[in-house]
Amino acid sequence: VMVIYLGRLVEVASCERLFSAPRHPYTR
């Protein structure tokens, strides 16, 4: 999964990792 905010990627992670341990405040 890639997370984008105002045209910039802010987090890229495996699906499992993103939903179990998101690191960027926007993703959270």
mmCIF file of all heavy atoms, coordinates in Angstrom:
data_MODEL
# 
_entry.id   MODEL 
# 
loop_
_atom_site.group_PDB 
_atom_site.id 
_atom_site.type_symbol 
_atom_site.label_atom_id 
_atom_site.label_alt_id 
_atom_site.label_comp_id 
_atom_site.label_asym_id 
_atom_site.label_entity_id 
_atom_site.label_seq_id 
_atom_site.pdbx_PDB_ins_code 
_atom_site.Cartn_x 
_atom_site.Cartn_y 
_atom_site.Cartn_z 
_atom_site.occupancy 
_atom_site.B_iso_or_equiv 
_atom_site.pdbx_formal_charge 
_atom_site.auth_seq_id 
_atom_site.auth_comp_id 
_atom_site.auth_asym_id 
_atom_site.auth_atom_id 
_atom_site.pdbx_PDB_model_num 
ATOM 1   N N   . VAL A 1 1  ? 0.852  -1.195  0.000  1.00 0.00 ? 1  VAL A N   1 
ATOM 2   C CA  . VAL A 1 1  ? 0.000  0.000   0.000  1.00 0.00 ? 1  VAL A CA  1 
ATOM 3   C C   . VAL A 1 1  ? 0.885  1.242   0.000  1.00 0.00 ? 1  VAL A C   1 
ATOM 4   O O   . VAL A 1 1  ? 1.881  1.318   0.738  1.00 0.00 ? 1  VAL A O   1 
ATOM 5   C CB  . VAL A 1 1  ? -0.937 0.035   1.232  1.00 0.00 ? 1  VAL A CB  1 
ATOM 6   C CG1 . VAL A 1 1  ? -1.850 1.266   1.168  1.00 0.00 ? 1  VAL A CG1 1 
ATOM 7   C CG2 . VAL A 1 1  ? -1.765 -1.236  1.324  1.00 0.00 ? 1  VAL A CG2 1 
ATOM 8   N N   . MET A 1 2  ? 0.510  2.212   -0.839 1.00 0.00 ? 2  MET A N   1 
ATOM 9   C CA  . MET A 1 2  ? 1.143  3.527   -0.826 1.00 0.00 ? 2  MET A CA  1 
ATOM 10  C C   . MET A 1 2  ? 0.134  4.535   -0.279 1.00 0.00 ? 2  MET A C   1 
ATOM 11  O O   . MET A 1 2  ? -1.041 4.517   -0.671 1.00 0.00 ? 2  MET A O   1 
ATOM 12  C CB  . MET A 1 2  ? 1.574  3.954   -2.231 1.00 0.00 ? 2  MET A CB  1 
ATOM 13  C CG  . MET A 1 2  ? 2.527  2.995   -2.910 1.00 0.00 ? 2  MET A CG  1 
ATOM 14  S SD  . MET A 1 2  ? 3.168  3.643   -4.494 1.00 0.00 ? 2  MET A SD  1 
ATOM 15  C CE  . MET A 1 2  ? 1.645  3.773   -5.451 1.00 0.00 ? 2  MET A CE  1 
ATOM 16  N N   . VAL A 1 3  ? 0.592  5.408   0.576  1.00 0.00 ? 3  VAL A N   1 
ATOM 17  C CA  . VAL A 1 3  ? -0.247 6.468   1.133  1.00 0.00 ? 3  VAL A CA  1 
ATOM 18  C C   . VAL A 1 3  ? 0.253  7.797   0.568  1.00 0.00 ? 3  VAL A C   1 
ATOM 19  O O   . VAL A 1 3  ? 1.443  8.115   0.669  1.00 0.00 ? 3  VAL A O   1 
ATOM 20  C CB  . VAL A 1 3  ? -0.182 6.495   2.674  1.00 0.00 ? 3  VAL A CB  1 
ATOM 21  C CG1 . VAL A 1 3  ? -1.115 7.572   3.226  1.00 0.00 ? 3  VAL A CG1 1 
ATOM 22  C CG2 . VAL A 1 3  ? -0.546 5.127   3.246  1.00 0.00 ? 3  VAL A CG2 1 
ATOM 23  N N   . ILE A 1 4  ? -0.641 8.557   -0.040 1.00 0.00 ? 4  ILE A N   1 
ATOM 24  C CA  . ILE A 1 4  ? -0.269 9.810   -0.686 1.00 0.00 ? 4  ILE A CA  1 
ATOM 25  C C   . ILE A 1 4  ? -0.979 10.970  -0.008 1.00 0.00 ? 4  ILE A C   1 
ATOM 26  O O   . ILE A 1 4  ? -2.139 10.868  0.390  1.00 0.00 ? 4  ILE A O   1 
ATOM 27  C CB  . ILE A 1 4  ? -0.593 9.764   -2.195 1.00 0.00 ? 4  ILE A CB  1 
ATOM 28  C CG1 . ILE A 1 4  ? 0.041  10.936  -2.930 1.00 0.00 ? 4  ILE A CG1 1 
ATOM 29  C CG2 . ILE A 1 4  ? -2.087 9.673   -2.445 1.00 0.00 ? 4  ILE A CG2 1 
ATOM 30  C CD1 . ILE A 1 4  ? -0.027 10.808  -4.438 1.00 0.00 ? 4  ILE A CD1 1 
ATOM 31  N N   . TYR A 1 5  ? -0.250 12.071  0.141  1.00 0.00 ? 5  TYR A N   1 
ATOM 32  C CA  . TYR A 1 5  ? -0.815 13.286  0.745  1.00 0.00 ? 5  TYR A CA  1 
ATOM 33  C C   . TYR A 1 5  ? -0.343 14.486  -0.051 1.00 0.00 ? 5  TYR A C   1 
ATOM 34  O O   . TYR A 1 5  ? 0.861  14.727  -0.168 1.00 0.00 ? 5  TYR A O   1 
ATOM 35  C CB  . TYR A 1 5  ? -0.390 13.419  2.211  1.00 0.00 ? 5  TYR A CB  1 
ATOM 36  C CG  . TYR A 1 5  ? -1.029 14.604  2.909  1.00 0.00 ? 5  TYR A CG  1 
ATOM 37  C CD1 . TYR A 1 5  ? -2.344 14.525  3.364  1.00 0.00 ? 5  TYR A CD1 1 
ATOM 38  C CD2 . TYR A 1 5  ? -0.343 15.801  3.087  1.00 0.00 ? 5  TYR A CD2 1 
ATOM 39  C CE1 . TYR A 1 5  ? -2.952 15.609  3.987  1.00 0.00 ? 5  TYR A CE1 1 
ATOM 40  C CE2 . TYR A 1 5  ? -0.935 16.886  3.711  1.00 0.00 ? 5  TYR A CE2 1 
ATOM 41  C CZ  . TYR A 1 5  ? -2.245 16.788  4.157  1.00 0.00 ? 5  TYR A CZ  1 
ATOM 42  O OH  . TYR A 1 5  ? -2.849 17.864  4.768  1.00 0.00 ? 5  TYR A OH  1 
ATOM 43  N N   . LEU A 1 6  ? -1.273 15.219  -0.628 1.00 0.00 ? 6  LEU A N   1 
ATOM 44  C CA  . LEU A 1 6  ? -0.979 16.409  -1.426 1.00 0.00 ? 6  LEU A CA  1 
ATOM 45  C C   . LEU A 1 6  ? 0.133  16.149  -2.444 1.00 0.00 ? 6  LEU A C   1 
ATOM 46  O O   . LEU A 1 6  ? 1.083  16.926  -2.571 1.00 0.00 ? 6  LEU A O   1 
ATOM 47  C CB  . LEU A 1 6  ? -0.618 17.591  -0.517 1.00 0.00 ? 6  LEU A CB  1 
ATOM 48  C CG  . LEU A 1 6  ? -1.798 18.216  0.235  1.00 0.00 ? 6  LEU A CG  1 
ATOM 49  C CD1 . LEU A 1 6  ? -1.322 19.346  1.141  1.00 0.00 ? 6  LEU A CD1 1 
ATOM 50  C CD2 . LEU A 1 6  ? -2.852 18.733  -0.738 1.00 0.00 ? 6  LEU A CD2 1 
ATOM 51  N N   . GLY A 1 7  ? 0.024  15.041  -3.150 1.00 0.00 ? 7  GLY A N   1 
ATOM 52  C CA  . GLY A 1 7  ? 0.914  14.760  -4.253 1.00 0.00 ? 7  GLY A CA  1 
ATOM 53  C C   . GLY A 1 7  ? 2.222  14.095  -3.910 1.00 0.00 ? 7  GLY A C   1 
ATOM 54  O O   . GLY A 1 7  ? 3.020  13.806  -4.808 1.00 0.00 ? 7  GLY A O   1 
ATOM 55  N N   . ARG A 1 8  ? 2.467  13.819  -2.638 1.00 0.00 ? 8  ARG A N   1 
ATOM 56  C CA  . ARG A 1 8  ? 3.713  13.159  -2.228 1.00 0.00 ? 8  ARG A CA  1 
ATOM 57  C C   . ARG A 1 8  ? 3.396  11.874  -1.472 1.00 0.00 ? 8  ARG A C   1 
ATOM 58  O O   . ARG A 1 8  ? 2.456  11.833  -0.653 1.00 0.00 ? 8  ARG A O   1 
ATOM 59  C CB  . ARG A 1 8  ? 4.560  14.065  -1.331 1.00 0.00 ? 8  ARG A CB  1 
ATOM 60  C CG  . ARG A 1 8  ? 5.137  15.274  -2.033 1.00 0.00 ? 8  ARG A CG  1 
ATOM 61  C CD  . ARG A 1 8  ? 5.983  16.107  -1.062 1.00 0.00 ? 8  ARG A CD  1 
ATOM 62  N NE  . ARG A 1 8  ? 6.527  17.292  -1.700 1.00 0.00 ? 8  ARG A NE  1 
ATOM 63  C CZ  . ARG A 1 8  ? 7.687  17.339  -2.338 1.00 0.00 ? 8  ARG A CZ  1 
ATOM 64  N NH1 . ARG A 1 8  ? 8.444  16.251  -2.406 1.00 0.00 ? 8  ARG A NH1 1 
ATOM 65  N NH2 . ARG A 1 8  ? 8.108  18.463  -2.907 1.00 0.00 ? 8  ARG A NH2 1 
ATOM 66  N N   . LEU A 1 9  ? 4.190  10.836  -1.729 1.00 0.00 ? 9  LEU A N   1 
ATOM 67  C CA  . LEU A 1 9  ? 4.043  9.605   -0.958 1.00 0.00 ? 9  LEU A CA  1 
ATOM 68  C C   . LEU A 1 9  ? 4.606  9.831   0.435  1.00 0.00 ? 9  LEU A C   1 
ATOM 69  O O   . LEU A 1 9  ? 5.737  10.307  0.602  1.00 0.00 ? 9  LEU A O   1 
ATOM 70  C CB  . LEU A 1 9  ? 4.795  8.456   -1.644 1.00 0.00 ? 9  LEU A CB  1 
ATOM 71  C CG  . LEU A 1 9  ? 4.294  8.036   -3.022 1.00 0.00 ? 9  LEU A CG  1 
ATOM 72  C CD1 . LEU A 1 9  ? 5.107  6.849   -3.540 1.00 0.00 ? 9  LEU A CD1 1 
ATOM 73  C CD2 . LEU A 1 9  ? 2.809  7.682   -2.997 1.00 0.00 ? 9  LEU A CD2 1 
ATOM 74  N N   . VAL A 1 10 ? 3.802  9.479   1.449  1.00 0.00 ? 10 VAL A N   1 
ATOM 75  C CA  . VAL A 1 10 ? 4.258  9.660   2.825  1.00 0.00 ? 10 VAL A CA  1 
ATOM 76  C C   . VAL A 1 10 ? 4.537  8.334   3.516  1.00 0.00 ? 10 VAL A C   1 
ATOM 77  O O   . VAL A 1 10 ? 5.246  8.298   4.528  1.00 0.00 ? 10 VAL A O   1 
ATOM 78  C CB  . VAL A 1 10 ? 3.244  10.490  3.650  1.00 0.00 ? 10 VAL A CB  1 
ATOM 79  C CG1 . VAL A 1 10 ? 3.113  11.890  3.072  1.00 0.00 ? 10 VAL A CG1 1 
ATOM 80  C CG2 . VAL A 1 10 ? 1.885  9.794   3.715  1.00 0.00 ? 10 VAL A CG2 1 
ATOM 81  N N   . GLU A 1 11 ? 3.981  7.249   2.979  1.00 0.00 ? 11 GLU A N   1 
ATOM 82  C CA  . GLU A 1 11 ? 4.291  5.934   3.535  1.00 0.00 ? 11 GLU A CA  1 
ATOM 83  C C   . GLU A 1 11 ? 4.052  4.867   2.476  1.00 0.00 ? 11 GLU A C   1 
ATOM 84  O O   . GLU A 1 11 ? 3.083  4.932   1.721  1.00 0.00 ? 11 GLU A O   1 
ATOM 85  C CB  . GLU A 1 11 ? 3.451  5.630   4.780  1.00 0.00 ? 11 GLU A CB  1 
ATOM 86  C CG  . GLU A 1 11 ? 3.807  4.304   5.455  1.00 0.00 ? 11 GLU A CG  1 
ATOM 87  C CD  . GLU A 1 11 ? 3.362  4.215   6.915  1.00 0.00 ? 11 GLU A CD  1 
ATOM 88  O OE1 . GLU A 1 11 ? 2.674  5.143   7.402  1.00 0.00 ? 11 GLU A OE1 1 
ATOM 89  O OE2 . GLU A 1 11 ? 3.709  3.199   7.568  1.00 0.00 ? 11 GLU A OE2 1 
ATOM 90  N N   . VAL A 1 12 ? 4.958  3.900   2.415  1.00 0.00 ? 12 VAL A N   1 
ATOM 91  C CA  . VAL A 1 12 ? 4.825  2.731   1.550  1.00 0.00 ? 12 VAL A CA  1 
ATOM 92  C C   . VAL A 1 12 ? 5.186  1.522   2.388  1.00 0.00 ? 12 VAL A C   1 
ATOM 93  O O   . VAL A 1 12 ? 6.237  1.500   3.031  1.00 0.00 ? 12 VAL A O   1 
ATOM 94  C CB  . VAL A 1 12 ? 5.748  2.813   0.318  1.00 0.00 ? 12 VAL A CB  1 
ATOM 95  C CG1 . VAL A 1 12 ? 5.566  1.583   -0.565 1.00 0.00 ? 12 VAL A CG1 1 
ATOM 96  C CG2 . VAL A 1 12 ? 5.490  4.086   -0.478 1.00 0.00 ? 12 VAL A CG2 1 
ATOM 97  N N   . ALA A 1 13 ? 4.314  0.518   2.398  1.00 0.00 ? 13 ALA A N   1 
ATOM 98  C CA  . ALA A 1 13 ? 4.562  -0.646  3.248  1.00 0.00 ? 13 ALA A CA  1 
ATOM 99  C C   . ALA A 1 13 ? 3.800  -1.841  2.716  1.00 0.00 ? 13 ALA A C   1 
ATOM 100 O O   . ALA A 1 13 ? 2.862  -1.706  1.924  1.00 0.00 ? 13 ALA A O   1 
ATOM 101 C CB  . ALA A 1 13 ? 4.150  -0.353  4.698  1.00 0.00 ? 13 ALA A CB  1 
ATOM 102 N N   . SER A 1 14 ? 4.206  -3.020  3.166  1.00 0.00 ? 14 SER A N   1 
ATOM 103 C CA  . SER A 1 14 ? 3.400  -4.205  2.893  1.00 0.00 ? 14 SER A CA  1 
ATOM 104 C C   . SER A 1 14 ? 2.047  -3.999  3.550  1.00 0.00 ? 14 SER A C   1 
ATOM 105 O O   . SER A 1 14 ? 1.904  -3.270  4.537  1.00 0.00 ? 14 SER A O   1 
ATOM 106 C CB  . SER A 1 14 ? 4.073  -5.448  3.463  1.00 0.00 ? 14 SER A CB  1 
ATOM 107 O OG  . SER A 1 14 ? 4.094  -5.397  4.884  1.00 0.00 ? 14 SER A OG  1 
ATOM 108 N N   . CYS A 1 15 ? 1.025  -4.631  2.985  1.00 0.00 ? 15 CYS A N   1 
ATOM 109 C CA  . CYS A 1 15 ? -0.325 -4.441  3.510  1.00 0.00 ? 15 CYS A CA  1 
ATOM 110 C C   . CYS A 1 15 ? -0.401 -4.835  4.984  1.00 0.00 ? 15 CYS A C   1 
ATOM 111 O O   . CYS A 1 15 ? -0.963 -4.115  5.806  1.00 0.00 ? 15 CYS A O   1 
ATOM 112 C CB  . CYS A 1 15 ? -1.311 -5.261  2.679  1.00 0.00 ? 15 CYS A CB  1 
ATOM 113 S SG  . CYS A 1 15 ? -3.045 -4.895  3.016  1.00 0.00 ? 15 CYS A SG  1 
ATOM 114 N N   . GLU A 1 16 ? 0.191  -5.953  5.307  1.00 0.00 ? 16 GLU A N   1 
ATOM 115 C CA  . GLU A 1 16 ? 0.162  -6.420  6.695  1.00 0.00 ? 16 GLU A CA  1 
ATOM 116 C C   . GLU A 1 16 ? 0.825  -5.421  7.628  1.00 0.00 ? 16 GLU A C   1 
ATOM 117 O O   . GLU A 1 16 ? 0.307  -5.101  8.697  1.00 0.00 ? 16 GLU A O   1 
ATOM 118 C CB  . GLU A 1 16 ? 0.856  -7.781  6.800  1.00 0.00 ? 16 GLU A CB  1 
ATOM 119 C CG  . GLU A 1 16 ? 0.901  -8.343  8.211  1.00 0.00 ? 16 GLU A CG  1 
ATOM 120 C CD  . GLU A 1 16 ? 1.623  -9.676  8.283  1.00 0.00 ? 16 GLU A CD  1 
ATOM 121 O OE1 . GLU A 1 16 ? 2.106  -10.161 7.237  1.00 0.00 ? 16 GLU A OE1 1 
ATOM 122 O OE2 . GLU A 1 16 ? 1.713  -10.231 9.398  1.00 0.00 ? 16 GLU A OE2 1 
ATOM 123 N N   . ARG A 1 17 ? 1.984  -4.918  7.198  1.00 0.00 ? 17 ARG A N   1 
ATOM 124 C CA  . ARG A 1 17 ? 2.728  -3.989  8.041  1.00 0.00 ? 17 ARG A CA  1 
ATOM 125 C C   . ARG A 1 17 ? 2.003  -2.657  8.191  1.00 0.00 ? 17 ARG A C   1 
ATOM 126 O O   . ARG A 1 17 ? 1.954  -2.076  9.283  1.00 0.00 ? 17 ARG A O   1 
ATOM 127 C CB  . ARG A 1 17 ? 4.114  -3.753  7.430  1.00 0.00 ? 17 ARG A CB  1 
ATOM 128 C CG  . ARG A 1 17 ? 5.029  -2.860  8.243  1.00 0.00 ? 17 ARG A CG  1 
ATOM 129 C CD  . ARG A 1 17 ? 5.482  -3.542  9.509  1.00 0.00 ? 17 ARG A CD  1 
ATOM 130 N NE  . ARG A 1 17 ? 6.382  -2.702  10.289 1.00 0.00 ? 17 ARG A NE  1 
ATOM 131 C CZ  . ARG A 1 17 ? 6.751  -2.958  11.538 1.00 0.00 ? 17 ARG A CZ  1 
ATOM 132 N NH1 . ARG A 1 17 ? 6.297  -4.048  12.145 1.00 0.00 ? 17 ARG A NH1 1 
ATOM 133 N NH2 . ARG A 1 17 ? 7.565  -2.161  12.180 1.00 0.00 ? 17 ARG A NH2 1 
ATOM 134 N N   . LEU A 1 18 ? 1.422  -2.162  7.105  1.00 0.00 ? 18 LEU A N   1 
ATOM 135 C CA  . LEU A 1 18 ? 0.774  -0.856  7.171  1.00 0.00 ? 18 LEU A CA  1 
ATOM 136 C C   . LEU A 1 18 ? -0.416 -0.873  8.116  1.00 0.00 ? 18 LEU A C   1 
ATOM 137 O O   . LEU A 1 18 ? -0.623 0.064   8.884  1.00 0.00 ? 18 LEU A O   1 
ATOM 138 C CB  . LEU A 1 18 ? 0.326  -0.426  5.776  1.00 0.00 ? 18 LEU A CB  1 
ATOM 139 C CG  . LEU A 1 18 ? -0.254 0.993   5.751  1.00 0.00 ? 18 LEU A CG  1 
ATOM 140 C CD1 . LEU A 1 18 ? 0.628  1.919   4.928  1.00 0.00 ? 18 LEU A CD1 1 
ATOM 141 C CD2 . LEU A 1 18 ? -1.680 1.007   5.217  1.00 0.00 ? 18 LEU A CD2 1 
ATOM 142 N N   . PHE A 1 19 ? -1.206 -1.954  8.084  1.00 0.00 ? 19 PHE A N   1 
ATOM 143 C CA  . PHE A 1 19 ? -2.398 -1.985  8.922  1.00 0.00 ? 19 PHE A CA  1 
ATOM 144 C C   . PHE A 1 19 ? -2.103 -2.416  10.355 1.00 0.00 ? 19 PHE A C   1 
ATOM 145 O O   . PHE A 1 19 ? -2.867 -2.093  11.259 1.00 0.00 ? 19 PHE A O   1 
ATOM 146 C CB  . PHE A 1 19 ? -3.448 -2.901  8.298  1.00 0.00 ? 19 PHE A CB  1 
ATOM 147 C CG  . PHE A 1 19 ? -4.174 -2.266  7.135  1.00 0.00 ? 19 PHE A CG  1 
ATOM 148 C CD1 . PHE A 1 19 ? -3.734 -2.443  5.842  1.00 0.00 ? 19 PHE A CD1 1 
ATOM 149 C CD2 . PHE A 1 19 ? -5.275 -1.467  7.355  1.00 0.00 ? 19 PHE A CD2 1 
ATOM 150 C CE1 . PHE A 1 19 ? -4.382 -1.853  4.768  1.00 0.00 ? 19 PHE A CE1 1 
ATOM 151 C CE2 . PHE A 1 19 ? -5.942 -0.864  6.296  1.00 0.00 ? 19 PHE A CE2 1 
ATOM 152 C CZ  . PHE A 1 19 ? -5.497 -1.052  5.003  1.00 0.00 ? 19 PHE A CZ  1 
ATOM 153 N N   . SER A 1 20 ? -1.002 -3.130  10.564 1.00 0.00 ? 20 SER A N   1 
ATOM 154 C CA  . SER A 1 20 ? -0.683 -3.561  11.928 1.00 0.00 ? 20 SER A CA  1 
ATOM 155 C C   . SER A 1 20 ? 0.221  -2.570  12.639 1.00 0.00 ? 20 SER A C   1 
ATOM 156 O O   . SER A 1 20 ? 0.151  -2.433  13.870 1.00 0.00 ? 20 SER A O   1 
ATOM 157 C CB  . SER A 1 20 ? -0.011 -4.937  11.904 1.00 0.00 ? 20 SER A CB  1 
ATOM 158 O OG  . SER A 1 20 ? 1.240  -4.888  11.231 1.00 0.00 ? 20 SER A OG  1 
ATOM 159 N N   . ALA A 1 21 ? 1.084  -1.864  11.903 1.00 0.00 ? 21 ALA A N   1 
ATOM 160 C CA  . ALA A 1 21 ? 2.033  -0.949  12.536 1.00 0.00 ? 21 ALA A CA  1 
ATOM 161 C C   . ALA A 1 21 ? 2.310  0.253   11.649 1.00 0.00 ? 21 ALA A C   1 
ATOM 162 O O   . ALA A 1 21 ? 3.421  0.451   11.158 1.00 0.00 ? 21 ALA A O   1 
ATOM 163 C CB  . ALA A 1 21 ? 3.342  -1.681  12.862 1.00 0.00 ? 21 ALA A CB  1 
ATOM 164 N N   . PRO A 1 22 ? 1.295  1.099   11.390 1.00 0.00 ? 22 PRO A N   1 
ATOM 165 C CA  . PRO A 1 22 ? 1.518  2.294   10.577 1.00 0.00 ? 22 PRO A CA  1 
ATOM 166 C C   . PRO A 1 22 ? 2.476  3.243   11.294 1.00 0.00 ? 22 PRO A C   1 
ATOM 167 O O   . PRO A 1 22 ? 2.410  3.405   12.509 1.00 0.00 ? 22 PRO A O   1 
ATOM 168 C CB  . PRO A 1 22 ? 0.124  2.896   10.449 1.00 0.00 ? 22 PRO A CB  1 
ATOM 169 C CG  . PRO A 1 22 ? -0.606 2.410   11.663 1.00 0.00 ? 22 PRO A CG  1 
ATOM 170 C CD  . PRO A 1 22 ? -0.080 1.030   11.926 1.00 0.00 ? 22 PRO A CD  1 
ATOM 171 N N   . ARG A 1 23 ? 3.362  3.900   10.521 1.00 0.00 ? 23 ARG A N   1 
ATOM 172 C CA  . ARG A 1 23 ? 4.372  4.749   11.136 1.00 0.00 ? 23 ARG A CA  1 
ATOM 173 C C   . ARG A 1 23 ? 4.161  6.241   10.888 1.00 0.00 ? 23 ARG A C   1 
ATOM 174 O O   . ARG A 1 23 ? 4.564  7.058   11.703 1.00 0.00 ? 23 ARG A O   1 
ATOM 175 C CB  . ARG A 1 23 ? 5.760  4.346   10.629 1.00 0.00 ? 23 ARG A CB  1 
ATOM 176 C CG  . ARG A 1 23 ? 6.199  2.953   11.048 1.00 0.00 ? 23 ARG A CG  1 
ATOM 177 C CD  . ARG A 1 23 ? 6.499  2.887   12.535 1.00 0.00 ? 23 ARG A CD  1 
ATOM 178 N NE  . ARG A 1 23 ? 7.560  3.787   12.906 1.00 0.00 ? 23 ARG A NE  1 
ATOM 179 C CZ  . ARG A 1 23 ? 8.861  3.477   12.893 1.00 0.00 ? 23 ARG A CZ  1 
ATOM 180 N NH1 . ARG A 1 23 ? 9.231  2.268   12.505 1.00 0.00 ? 23 ARG A NH1 1 
ATOM 181 N NH2 . ARG A 1 23 ? 9.781  4.349   13.270 1.00 0.00 ? 23 ARG A NH2 1 
ATOM 182 N N   . HIS A 1 24 ? 3.581  6.600   9.766  1.00 0.00 ? 24 HIS A N   1 
ATOM 183 C CA  . HIS A 1 24 ? 3.402  8.030   9.490  1.00 0.00 ? 24 HIS A CA  1 
ATOM 184 C C   . HIS A 1 24 ? 2.145  8.542   10.196 1.00 0.00 ? 24 HIS A C   1 
ATOM 185 O O   . HIS A 1 24 ? 1.114  7.864   10.215 1.00 0.00 ? 24 HIS A O   1 
ATOM 186 C CB  . HIS A 1 24 ? 3.280  8.279   7.986  1.00 0.00 ? 24 HIS A CB  1 
ATOM 187 C CG  . HIS A 1 24 ? 3.468  9.720   7.620  1.00 0.00 ? 24 HIS A CG  1 
ATOM 188 N ND1 . HIS A 1 24 ? 2.463  10.658  7.746  1.00 0.00 ? 24 HIS A ND1 1 
ATOM 189 C CD2 . HIS A 1 24 ? 4.555  10.389  7.148  1.00 0.00 ? 24 HIS A CD2 1 
ATOM 190 C CE1 . HIS A 1 24 ? 2.912  11.839  7.358  1.00 0.00 ? 24 HIS A CE1 1 
ATOM 191 N NE2 . HIS A 1 24 ? 4.185  11.702  6.990  1.00 0.00 ? 24 HIS A NE2 1 
ATOM 192 N N   . PRO A 1 25 ? 2.199  9.737   10.791 1.00 0.00 ? 25 PRO A N   1 
ATOM 193 C CA  . PRO A 1 25 ? 1.016  10.271  11.477 1.00 0.00 ? 25 PRO A CA  1 
ATOM 194 C C   . PRO A 1 25 ? -0.210 10.376  10.583 1.00 0.00 ? 25 PRO A C   1 
ATOM 195 O O   . PRO A 1 25 ? -1.341 10.198  11.047 1.00 0.00 ? 25 PRO A O   1 
ATOM 196 C CB  . PRO A 1 25 ? 1.481  11.655  11.951 1.00 0.00 ? 25 PRO A CB  1 
ATOM 197 C CG  . PRO A 1 25 ? 2.964  11.533  12.085 1.00 0.00 ? 25 PRO A CG  1 
ATOM 198 C CD  . PRO A 1 25 ? 3.394  10.595  10.993 1.00 0.00 ? 25 PRO A CD  1 
ATOM 199 N N   . TYR A 1 26 ? -0.027 10.660  9.299  1.00 0.00 ? 26 TYR A N   1 
ATOM 200 C CA  . TYR A 1 26 ? -1.174 10.756  8.396  1.00 0.00 ? 26 TYR A CA  1 
ATOM 201 C C   . TYR A 1 26 ? -1.814 9.385   8.192  1.00 0.00 ? 26 TYR A C   1 
ATOM 202 O O   . TYR A 1 26 ? -3.040 9.250   8.208  1.00 0.00 ? 26 TYR A O   1 
ATOM 203 C CB  . TYR A 1 26 ? -0.744 11.344  7.054  1.00 0.00 ? 26 TYR A CB  1 
ATOM 204 C CG  . TYR A 1 26 ? -1.872 11.441  6.050  1.00 0.00 ? 26 TYR A CG  1 
ATOM 205 C CD1 . TYR A 1 26 ? -3.024 12.162  6.340  1.00 0.00 ? 26 TYR A CD1 1 
ATOM 206 C CD2 . TYR A 1 26 ? -1.786 10.807  4.813  1.00 0.00 ? 26 TYR A CD2 1 
ATOM 207 C CE1 . TYR A 1 26 ? -4.064 12.260  5.425  1.00 0.00 ? 26 TYR A CE1 1 
ATOM 208 C CE2 . TYR A 1 26 ? -2.819 10.898  3.890  1.00 0.00 ? 26 TYR A CE2 1 
ATOM 209 C CZ  . TYR A 1 26 ? -3.957 11.623  4.204  1.00 0.00 ? 26 TYR A CZ  1 
ATOM 210 O OH  . TYR A 1 26 ? -4.978 11.699  3.285  1.00 0.00 ? 26 TYR A OH  1 
ATOM 211 N N   . THR A 1 27 ? -0.994 8.357   8.005  1.00 0.00 ? 27 THR A N   1 
ATOM 212 C CA  . THR A 1 27 ? -1.528 7.003   7.872  1.00 0.00 ? 27 THR A CA  1 
ATOM 213 C C   . THR A 1 27 ? -2.311 6.616   9.113  1.00 0.00 ? 27 THR A C   1 
ATOM 214 O O   . THR A 1 27 ? -3.405 6.044   9.029  1.00 0.00 ? 27 THR A O   1 
ATOM 215 C CB  . THR A 1 27 ? -0.398 5.990   7.635  1.00 0.00 ? 27 THR A CB  1 
ATOM 216 O OG1 . THR A 1 27 ? 0.421  6.422   6.561  1.00 0.00 ? 27 THR A OG1 1 
ATOM 217 C CG2 . THR A 1 27 ? -0.949 4.611   7.327  1.00 0.00 ? 27 THR A CG2 1 
ATOM 218 N N   . ARG A 1 28 ? -1.763 6.934   10.267 1.00 0.00 ? 28 ARG A N   1 
ATOM 219 C CA  . ARG A 1 28 ? -2.451 6.605   11.516 1.00 0.00 ? 28 ARG A CA  1 
ATOM 220 C C   . ARG A 1 28 ? -3.763 7.369   11.642 1.00 0.00 ? 28 ARG A C   1 
ATOM 221 O O   . ARG A 1 28 ? -4.749 6.841   12.163 1.00 0.00 ? 28 ARG A O   1 
ATOM 222 C CB  . ARG A 1 28 ? -1.533 6.890   12.705 1.00 0.00 ? 28 ARG A CB  1 
ATOM 223 C CG  . ARG A 1 28 ? -0.335 5.952   12.769 1.00 0.00 ? 28 ARG A CG  1 
ATOM 224 C CD  . ARG A 1 28 ? 0.553  6.252   13.980 1.00 0.00 ? 28 ARG A CD  1 
ATOM 225 N NE  . ARG A 1 28 ? -0.158 6.072   15.237 1.00 0.00 ? 28 ARG A NE  1 
ATOM 226 C CZ  . ARG A 1 28 ? -0.360 4.901   15.841 1.00 0.00 ? 28 ARG A CZ  1 
ATOM 227 N NH1 . ARG A 1 28 ? 0.091  3.785   15.281 1.00 0.00 ? 28 ARG A NH1 1 
ATOM 228 N NH2 . ARG A 1 28 ? -1.001 4.842   16.988 1.00 0.00 ? 28 ARG A NH2 1 
# 
